[in-house]
Amino acid sequence: MRSTARLLAAIALLGACAGDPTATDASADLASTTDAALRAGPSPEQRGLAAARAATARFHRYDVADDAGYTFLFMDMCMTDGSPANAGGMGYHYVNTQLLDGAVDVATPEAVLYEPEANGKRRLVAVEYVIPAAAWTSATPPELFGQPFTLNAFDLWALHVWLWKDNPSGLYADWNPRVSCDNAPASTAMAHH
């Protein structure tokens, strides 16, 4: 953040040296806007995402997730999009069934998602917040991080958050084109639409 402020100050000085008052004014406006944003701090979404990352970083080791109750392997498969769009994969979903109720907590997602690697290990790629449809009584979808959940084919309100693997389709997209089940045993890879 400080380097951004220094860069803006340097741009303003450069504009002043060049004798272009427009460049100086624009740089000063940009610096003022940036300073205000820095003083305001991170948004609620950014704070929530940081809390989710901090709470789930330990799950890079699956044995830690297993010890924390993420023991149910949902449908015992590595999921990929089987539609004509071929939107990518999700990987394996390990669910803490004790968390399946009508509420979500940023620090305790209901599921953690892993992508199979060539060496046989599984890499943490995302988390998923889940509310069973029967447990949700509101007429509007649940929301987290300012994002509405989607009611899926399994009668679950769900929100994927790709905290641990960049997703060009978006942080909250269901499928990630960079996630593959190519390294999953054939018996556990399944295309889902």
C-alpha atoms as a PDB file:
ATOM      1  CA  MET A   1       0.000   0.000   0.000  1.00  0.00           C
ATOM      2  CA  ARG A   2       2.808   2.426   0.833  1.00  0.00           C
ATOM      3  CA  SER A   3       4.535   1.658  -2.461  1.00  0.00           C
ATOM      4  CA  THR A   4       1.299   2.637  -4.274  1.00  0.00           C
ATOM      5  CA  ALA A   5       1.245   5.967  -2.446  1.00  0.00           C
ATOM      6  CA  ARG A   6       4.928   6.525  -3.319  1.00  0.00           C
ATOM      7  CA  LEU A   7       4.265   5.691  -6.964  1.00  0.00           C
ATOM      8  CA  LEU A   8       1.405   8.186  -7.079  1.00  0.00           C
ATOM      9  CA  ALA A   9       3.582  10.854  -5.468  1.00  0.00           C
ATOM     10  CA  ALA A  10       6.296  10.177  -8.054  1.00  0.00           C
ATOM     11  CA  ILE A  11       3.758  10.530 -10.884  1.00  0.00           C
ATOM     12  CA  ALA A  12       2.581  13.829  -9.435  1.00  0.00           C
ATOM     13  CA  LEU A  13       6.170  15.121  -9.204  1.00  0.00           C
ATOM     14  CA  LEU A  14       6.910  13.969 -12.731  1.00  0.00           C
ATOM     15  CA  GLY A  15       3.851  15.831 -14.015  1.00  0.00           C
ATOM     16  CA  ALA A  16       4.919  18.979 -12.143  1.00  0.00           C
ATOM     17  CA  CYS A  17       8.429  18.785 -13.601  1.00  0.00           C
ATOM     18  CA  ALA A  18       7.043  18.459 -17.101  1.00  0.00           C
ATOM     19  CA  GLY A  19       5.066  21.656 -16.637  1.00  0.00           C
ATOM     20  CA  ASP A  20       1.757  19.964 -17.426  1.00  0.00           C
ATOM     21  CA  PRO A  21      -0.766  21.177 -14.824  1.00  0.00           C
ATOM     22  CA  THR A  22      -3.369  18.688 -16.048  1.00  0.00           C
ATOM     23  CA  ALA A  23      -1.082  15.739 -15.245  1.00  0.00           C
ATOM     24  CA  THR A  24      -0.374  17.168 -11.770  1.00  0.00           C
ATOM     25  CA  ASP A  25      -4.077  17.742 -11.058  1.00  0.00           C
ATOM     26  CA  ALA A  26      -5.040  14.254 -12.269  1.00  0.00           C
ATOM     27  CA  SER A  27      -2.255  12.651 -10.237  1.00  0.00           C
ATOM     28  CA  ALA A  28      -3.280  14.611  -7.146  1.00  0.00           C
ATOM     29  CA  ASP A  29      -6.909  13.523  -7.614  1.00  0.00           C
ATOM     30  CA  LEU A  30      -5.828   9.902  -8.009  1.00  0.00           C
ATOM     31  CA  ALA A  31      -3.577  10.123  -4.943  1.00  0.00           C
ATOM     32  CA  SER A  32      -6.413  11.657  -2.921  1.00  0.00           C
ATOM     33  CA  THR A  33      -8.823   8.902  -3.999  1.00  0.00           C
ATOM     34  CA  THR A  34      -6.253   6.194  -3.214  1.00  0.00           C
ATOM     35  CA  ASP A  35      -5.516   7.713   0.203  1.00  0.00           C
ATOM     36  CA  ALA A  36      -9.237   7.769   1.027  1.00  0.00           C
ATOM     37  CA  ALA A  37      -9.574   4.115  -0.006  1.00  0.00           C
ATOM     38  CA  LEU A  38      -6.568   3.177   2.135  1.00  0.00           C
ATOM     39  CA  ARG A  39      -8.034   4.978   5.164  1.00  0.00           C
ATOM     40  CA  ALA A  40     -11.422   3.276   4.658  1.00  0.00           C
ATOM     41  CA  GLY A  41      -9.759  -0.144   4.890  1.00  0.00           C
ATOM     42  CA  PRO A  42     -10.805  -3.399   3.328  1.00  0.00           C
ATOM     43  CA  SER A  43     -14.422  -3.986   2.370  1.00  0.00           C
ATOM     44  CA  PRO A  44     -16.598  -6.444   4.316  1.00  0.00           C
ATOM     45  CA  GLU A  45     -16.171  -8.908   1.407  1.00  0.00           C
ATOM     46  CA  GLN A  46     -12.370  -8.595   1.576  1.00  0.00           C
ATOM     47  CA  ARG A  47     -12.397  -9.068   5.360  1.00  0.00           C
ATOM     48  CA  GLY A  48     -14.639 -12.126   5.013  1.00  0.00           C
ATOM     49  CA  LEU A  49     -12.446 -13.681   2.335  1.00  0.00           C
ATOM     50  CA  ALA A  50      -9.343 -13.041   4.450  1.00  0.00           C
ATOM     51  CA  ALA A  51     -11.040 -14.744   7.411  1.00  0.00           C
ATOM     52  CA  ALA A  52     -12.000 -17.723   5.226  1.00  0.00           C
ATOM     53  CA  ARG A  53      -8.409 -18.046   3.948  1.00  0.00           C
ATOM     54  CA  ALA A  54      -6.984 -17.810   7.452  1.00  0.00           C
ATOM     55  CA  ALA A  55      -9.427 -20.418   8.790  1.00  0.00           C
ATOM     56  CA  THR A  56      -8.895 -22.914   5.952  1.00  0.00           C
ATOM     57  CA  ALA A  57      -5.173 -22.532   5.243  1.00  0.00           C
ATOM     58  CA  ARG A  58      -4.488 -25.455   7.565  1.00  0.00           C
ATOM     59  CA  PHE A  59      -6.554 -27.713   5.292  1.00  0.00           C
ATOM     60  CA  HIS A  60      -3.831 -27.757   2.648  1.00  0.00           C
ATOM     61  CA  ARG A  61      -2.966 -30.964   4.497  1.00  0.00           C
ATOM     62  CA  TYR A  62      -5.994 -33.212   4.077  1.00  0.00           C
ATOM     63  CA  ASP A  63      -5.275 -35.081   7.307  1.00  0.00           C
ATOM     64  CA  VAL A  64      -5.931 -31.819   9.170  1.00  0.00           C
ATOM     65  CA  ALA A  65      -9.267 -31.371   7.360  1.00  0.00           C
ATOM     66  CA  ASP A  66     -10.117 -34.990   8.153  1.00  0.00           C
ATOM     67  CA  ASP A  67      -9.356 -34.399  11.849  1.00  0.00           C
ATOM     68  CA  ALA A  68     -11.585 -31.286  11.738  1.00  0.00           C
ATOM     69  CA  GLY A  69     -14.584 -33.352  10.610  1.00  0.00           C
ATOM     70  CA  TYR A  70     -14.366 -33.086   6.805  1.00  0.00           C
ATOM     71  CA  THR A  71     -14.684 -36.825   6.415  1.00  0.00           C
ATOM     72  CA  PHE A  72     -17.716 -37.355   4.161  1.00  0.00           C
ATOM     73  CA  LEU A  73     -16.641 -37.625   0.530  1.00  0.00           C
ATOM     74  CA  PHE A  74     -19.685 -36.293  -1.331  1.00  0.00           C
ATOM     75  CA  MET A  75     -20.781 -38.839  -3.939  1.00  0.00           C
ATOM     76  CA  ASP A  76     -17.306 -40.434  -3.759  1.00  0.00           C
ATOM     77  CA  MET A  77     -16.197 -38.782  -6.985  1.00  0.00           C
ATOM     78  CA  CYS A  78     -14.075 -36.070  -8.544  1.00  0.00           C
ATOM     79  CA  MET A  79     -16.588 -33.793 -10.274  1.00  0.00           C
ATOM     80  CA  THR A  80     -16.184 -32.255 -13.723  1.00  0.00           C
ATOM     81  CA  ASP A  81     -18.710 -30.431 -15.864  1.00  0.00           C
ATOM     82  CA  GLY A  82     -20.193 -32.917 -18.303  1.00  0.00           C
ATOM     83  CA  SER A  83     -22.277 -30.364 -20.179  1.00  0.00           C
ATOM     84  CA  PRO A  84     -21.456 -29.307 -23.757  1.00  0.00           C
ATOM     85  CA  ALA A  85     -19.974 -26.121 -22.266  1.00  0.00           C
ATOM     86  CA  ASN A  86     -17.306 -28.180 -20.445  1.00  0.00           C
ATOM     87  CA  ALA A  87     -16.874 -25.409 -17.864  1.00  0.00           C
ATOM     88  CA  GLY A  88     -14.152 -27.229 -15.919  1.00  0.00           C
ATOM     89  CA  GLY A  89     -13.997 -29.124 -12.661  1.00  0.00           C
ATOM     90  CA  MET A  90     -14.712 -28.882  -8.966  1.00  0.00           C
ATOM     91  CA  GLY A  91     -12.682 -31.818  -7.693  1.00  0.00           C
ATOM     92  CA  TYR A  92     -13.472 -33.902  -4.630  1.00  0.00           C
ATOM     93  CA  HIS A  93     -15.913 -32.474  -2.059  1.00  0.00           C
ATOM     94  CA  TYR A  94     -15.189 -33.365   1.563  1.00  0.00           C
ATOM     95  CA  VAL A  95     -18.095 -32.341   3.776  1.00  0.00           C
ATOM     96  CA  ASN A  96     -18.363 -31.761   7.502  1.00  0.00           C
ATOM     97  CA  THR A  97     -21.921 -33.060   7.936  1.00  0.00           C
ATOM     98  CA  GLN A  98     -22.146 -31.535  11.437  1.00  0.00           C
ATOM     99  CA  LEU A  99     -22.238 -28.112   9.745  1.00  0.00           C
ATOM    100  CA  LEU A 100     -25.211 -28.832   7.457  1.00  0.00           C
ATOM    101  CA  ASP A 101     -27.972 -26.628   8.854  1.00  0.00           C
ATOM    102  CA  GLY A 102     -29.742 -23.365   8.056  1.00  0.00           C
ATOM    103  CA  ALA A 103     -26.733 -21.094   8.630  1.00  0.00           C
ATOM    104  CA  VAL A 104     -23.192 -20.572   7.363  1.00  0.00           C
ATOM    105  CA  ASP A 105     -20.075 -19.224   9.035  1.00  0.00           C
ATOM    106  CA  VAL A 106     -17.215 -17.744   6.998  1.00  0.00           C
ATOM    107  CA  ALA A 107     -14.623 -19.549   9.144  1.00  0.00           C
ATOM    108  CA  THR A 108     -16.266 -22.979   8.870  1.00  0.00           C
ATOM    109  CA  PRO A 109     -17.338 -23.822   5.315  1.00  0.00           C
ATOM    110  CA  GLU A 110     -19.439 -26.955   5.024  1.00  0.00           C
ATOM    111  CA  ALA A 111     -17.145 -28.454   2.361  1.00  0.00           C
ATOM    112  CA  VAL A 112     -13.521 -28.260   1.266  1.00  0.00           C
ATOM    113  CA  LEU A 113     -12.644 -29.106  -2.355  1.00  0.00           C
ATOM    114  CA  TYR A 114      -9.524 -30.913  -3.524  1.00  0.00           C
ATOM    115  CA  GLU A 115      -8.057 -31.500  -6.983  1.00  0.00           C
ATOM    116  CA  PRO A 116      -6.225 -34.807  -7.561  1.00  0.00           C
ATOM    117  CA  GLU A 117      -2.544 -34.403  -8.435  1.00  0.00           C
ATOM    118  CA  ALA A 118      -0.314 -36.666 -10.528  1.00  0.00           C
ATOM    119  CA  ASN A 119       1.536 -37.834  -7.399  1.00  0.00           C
ATOM    120  CA  GLY A 120      -1.691 -39.197  -5.877  1.00  0.00           C
ATOM    121  CA  LYS A 121      -2.108 -36.364  -3.399  1.00  0.00           C
ATOM    122  CA  ARG A 122      -5.002 -33.942  -3.334  1.00  0.00           C
ATOM    123  CA  ARG A 123      -4.539 -30.180  -3.533  1.00  0.00           C
ATOM    124  CA  LEU A 124      -6.910 -27.807  -1.715  1.00  0.00           C
ATOM    125  CA  VAL A 125      -8.508 -25.539  -4.337  1.00  0.00           C
ATOM    126  CA  ALA A 126     -11.753 -24.163  -2.902  1.00  0.00           C
ATOM    127  CA  VAL A 127     -14.332 -24.142  -0.151  1.00  0.00           C
ATOM    128  CA  GLU A 128     -18.066 -24.455  -0.459  1.00  0.00           C
ATOM    129  CA  TYR A 129     -20.756 -23.023   1.782  1.00  0.00           C
ATOM    130  CA  VAL A 130     -23.890 -25.164   1.816  1.00  0.00           C
ATOM    131  CA  ILE A 131     -27.395 -24.944   3.247  1.00  0.00           C
ATOM    132  CA  PRO A 132     -29.858 -27.800   2.646  1.00  0.00           C
ATOM    133  CA  ALA A 133     -32.933 -26.430   0.825  1.00  0.00           C
ATOM    134  CA  ALA A 134     -35.192 -27.891   3.519  1.00  0.00           C
ATOM    135  CA  ALA A 135     -33.349 -25.873   6.169  1.00  0.00           C
ATOM    136  CA  TRP A 136     -33.723 -22.524   4.355  1.00  0.00           C
ATOM    137  CA  THR A 137     -37.050 -20.828   5.108  1.00  0.00           C
ATOM    138  CA  SER A 138     -36.587 -17.443   3.416  1.00  0.00           C
ATOM    139  CA  ALA A 139     -38.120 -16.666   0.014  1.00  0.00           C
ATOM    140  CA  THR A 140     -34.786 -15.200  -1.143  1.00  0.00           C
ATOM    141  CA  PRO A 141     -31.586 -17.210  -1.627  1.00  0.00           C
ATOM    142  CA  PRO A 142     -28.987 -17.151   1.156  1.00  0.00           C
ATOM    143  CA  GLU A 143     -26.063 -14.758   0.605  1.00  0.00           C
ATOM    144  CA  LEU A 144     -22.445 -14.595   1.697  1.00  0.00           C
ATOM    145  CA  PHE A 145     -19.717 -12.143   0.603  1.00  0.00           C
ATOM    146  CA  GLY A 146     -22.532 -10.255  -1.157  1.00  0.00           C
ATOM    147  CA  GLN A 147     -23.103 -13.261  -3.427  1.00  0.00           C
ATOM    148  CA  PRO A 148     -26.374 -15.210  -3.679  1.00  0.00           C
ATOM    149  CA  PHE A 149     -26.218 -18.983  -3.279  1.00  0.00           C
ATOM    150  CA  THR A 150     -27.414 -21.215  -6.120  1.00  0.00           C
ATOM    151  CA  LEU A 151     -29.892 -24.040  -5.605  1.00  0.00           C
ATOM    152  CA  ASN A 152     -28.227 -27.066  -7.212  1.00  0.00           C
ATOM    153  CA  ALA A 153     -29.466 -30.424  -8.509  1.00  0.00           C
ATOM    154  CA  PHE A 154     -28.822 -31.994  -5.086  1.00  0.00           C
ATOM    155  CA  ASP A 155     -31.394 -29.691  -3.419  1.00  0.00           C
ATOM    156  CA  LEU A 156     -28.657 -27.721  -1.693  1.00  0.00           C
ATOM    157  CA  TRP A 157     -28.087 -23.972  -1.633  1.00  0.00           C
ATOM    158  CA  ALA A 158     -24.383 -23.681  -2.468  1.00  0.00           C
ATOM    159  CA  LEU A 159     -21.689 -21.061  -2.955  1.00  0.00           C
ATOM    160  CA  HIS A 160     -18.240 -22.065  -4.204  1.00  0.00           C
ATOM    161  CA  VAL A 161     -15.320 -19.823  -3.282  1.00  0.00           C
ATOM    162  CA  TRP A 162     -12.075 -20.492  -5.159  1.00  0.00           C
ATOM    163  CA  LEU A 163      -9.750 -19.314  -2.396  1.00  0.00           C
ATOM    164  CA  TRP A 164      -6.839 -21.571  -3.253  1.00  0.00           C
ATOM    165  CA  LYS A 165      -6.809 -21.852  -7.060  1.00  0.00           C
ATOM    166  CA  ASP A 166      -7.351 -18.949  -9.424  1.00  0.00           C
ATOM    167  CA  ASN A 167     -10.553 -19.272 -11.416  1.00  0.00           C
ATOM    168  CA  PRO A 168     -10.778 -17.292 -14.664  1.00  0.00           C
ATOM    169  CA  SER A 169     -14.566 -17.827 -14.550  1.00  0.00           C
ATOM    170  CA  GLY A 170     -14.734 -15.889 -11.287  1.00  0.00           C
ATOM    171  CA  LEU A 171     -14.067 -16.306  -7.590  1.00  0.00           C
ATOM    172  CA  TYR A 172     -17.626 -17.549  -6.963  1.00  0.00           C
ATOM    173  CA  ALA A 173     -18.244 -19.573 -10.142  1.00  0.00           C
ATOM    174  CA  ASP A 174     -19.432 -23.160  -9.748  1.00  0.00           C
ATOM    175  CA  TRP A 175     -16.857 -24.633 -12.144  1.00  0.00           C
ATOM    176  CA  ASN A 176     -13.165 -23.843 -12.551  1.00  0.00           C
ATOM    177  CA  PRO A 177     -11.631 -24.490 -16.000  1.00  0.00           C
ATOM    178  CA  ARG A 178      -8.229 -24.851 -14.303  1.00  0.00           C
ATOM    179  CA  VAL A 179      -9.392 -27.768 -12.140  1.00  0.00           C
ATOM    180  CA  SER A 180      -9.091 -31.214 -13.658  1.00  0.00           C
ATOM    181  CA  CYS A 181      -9.986 -34.749 -12.627  1.00  0.00           C
ATOM    182  CA  ASP A 182      -7.491 -36.233 -15.107  1.00  0.00           C
ATOM    183  CA  ASN A 183      -5.436 -37.616 -12.200  1.00  0.00           C
ATOM    184  CA  ALA A 184      -8.421 -39.199 -10.452  1.00  0.00           C
ATOM    185  CA  PRO A 185      -8.867 -42.964 -10.674  1.00  0.00           C
ATOM    186  CA  ALA A 186     -11.377 -43.681 -13.457  1.00  0.00           C
ATOM    187  CA  SER A 187     -13.829 -45.123 -10.948  1.00  0.00           C
ATOM    188  CA  THR A 188     -14.020 -41.840  -9.024  1.00  0.00           C
ATOM    189  CA  ALA A 189     -14.140 -39.309 -11.868  1.00  0.00           C
ATOM    190  CA  MET A 190     -17.640 -38.234 -12.865  1.00  0.00           C
ATOM    191  CA  ALA A 191     -19.013 -35.700 -15.257  1.00  0.00           C
ATOM    192  CA  HIS A 192     -21.897 -33.816 -13.659  1.00  0.00           C
ATOM    193  CA  HIS A 193     -24.290 -31.449 -15.408  1.00  0.00           C
END
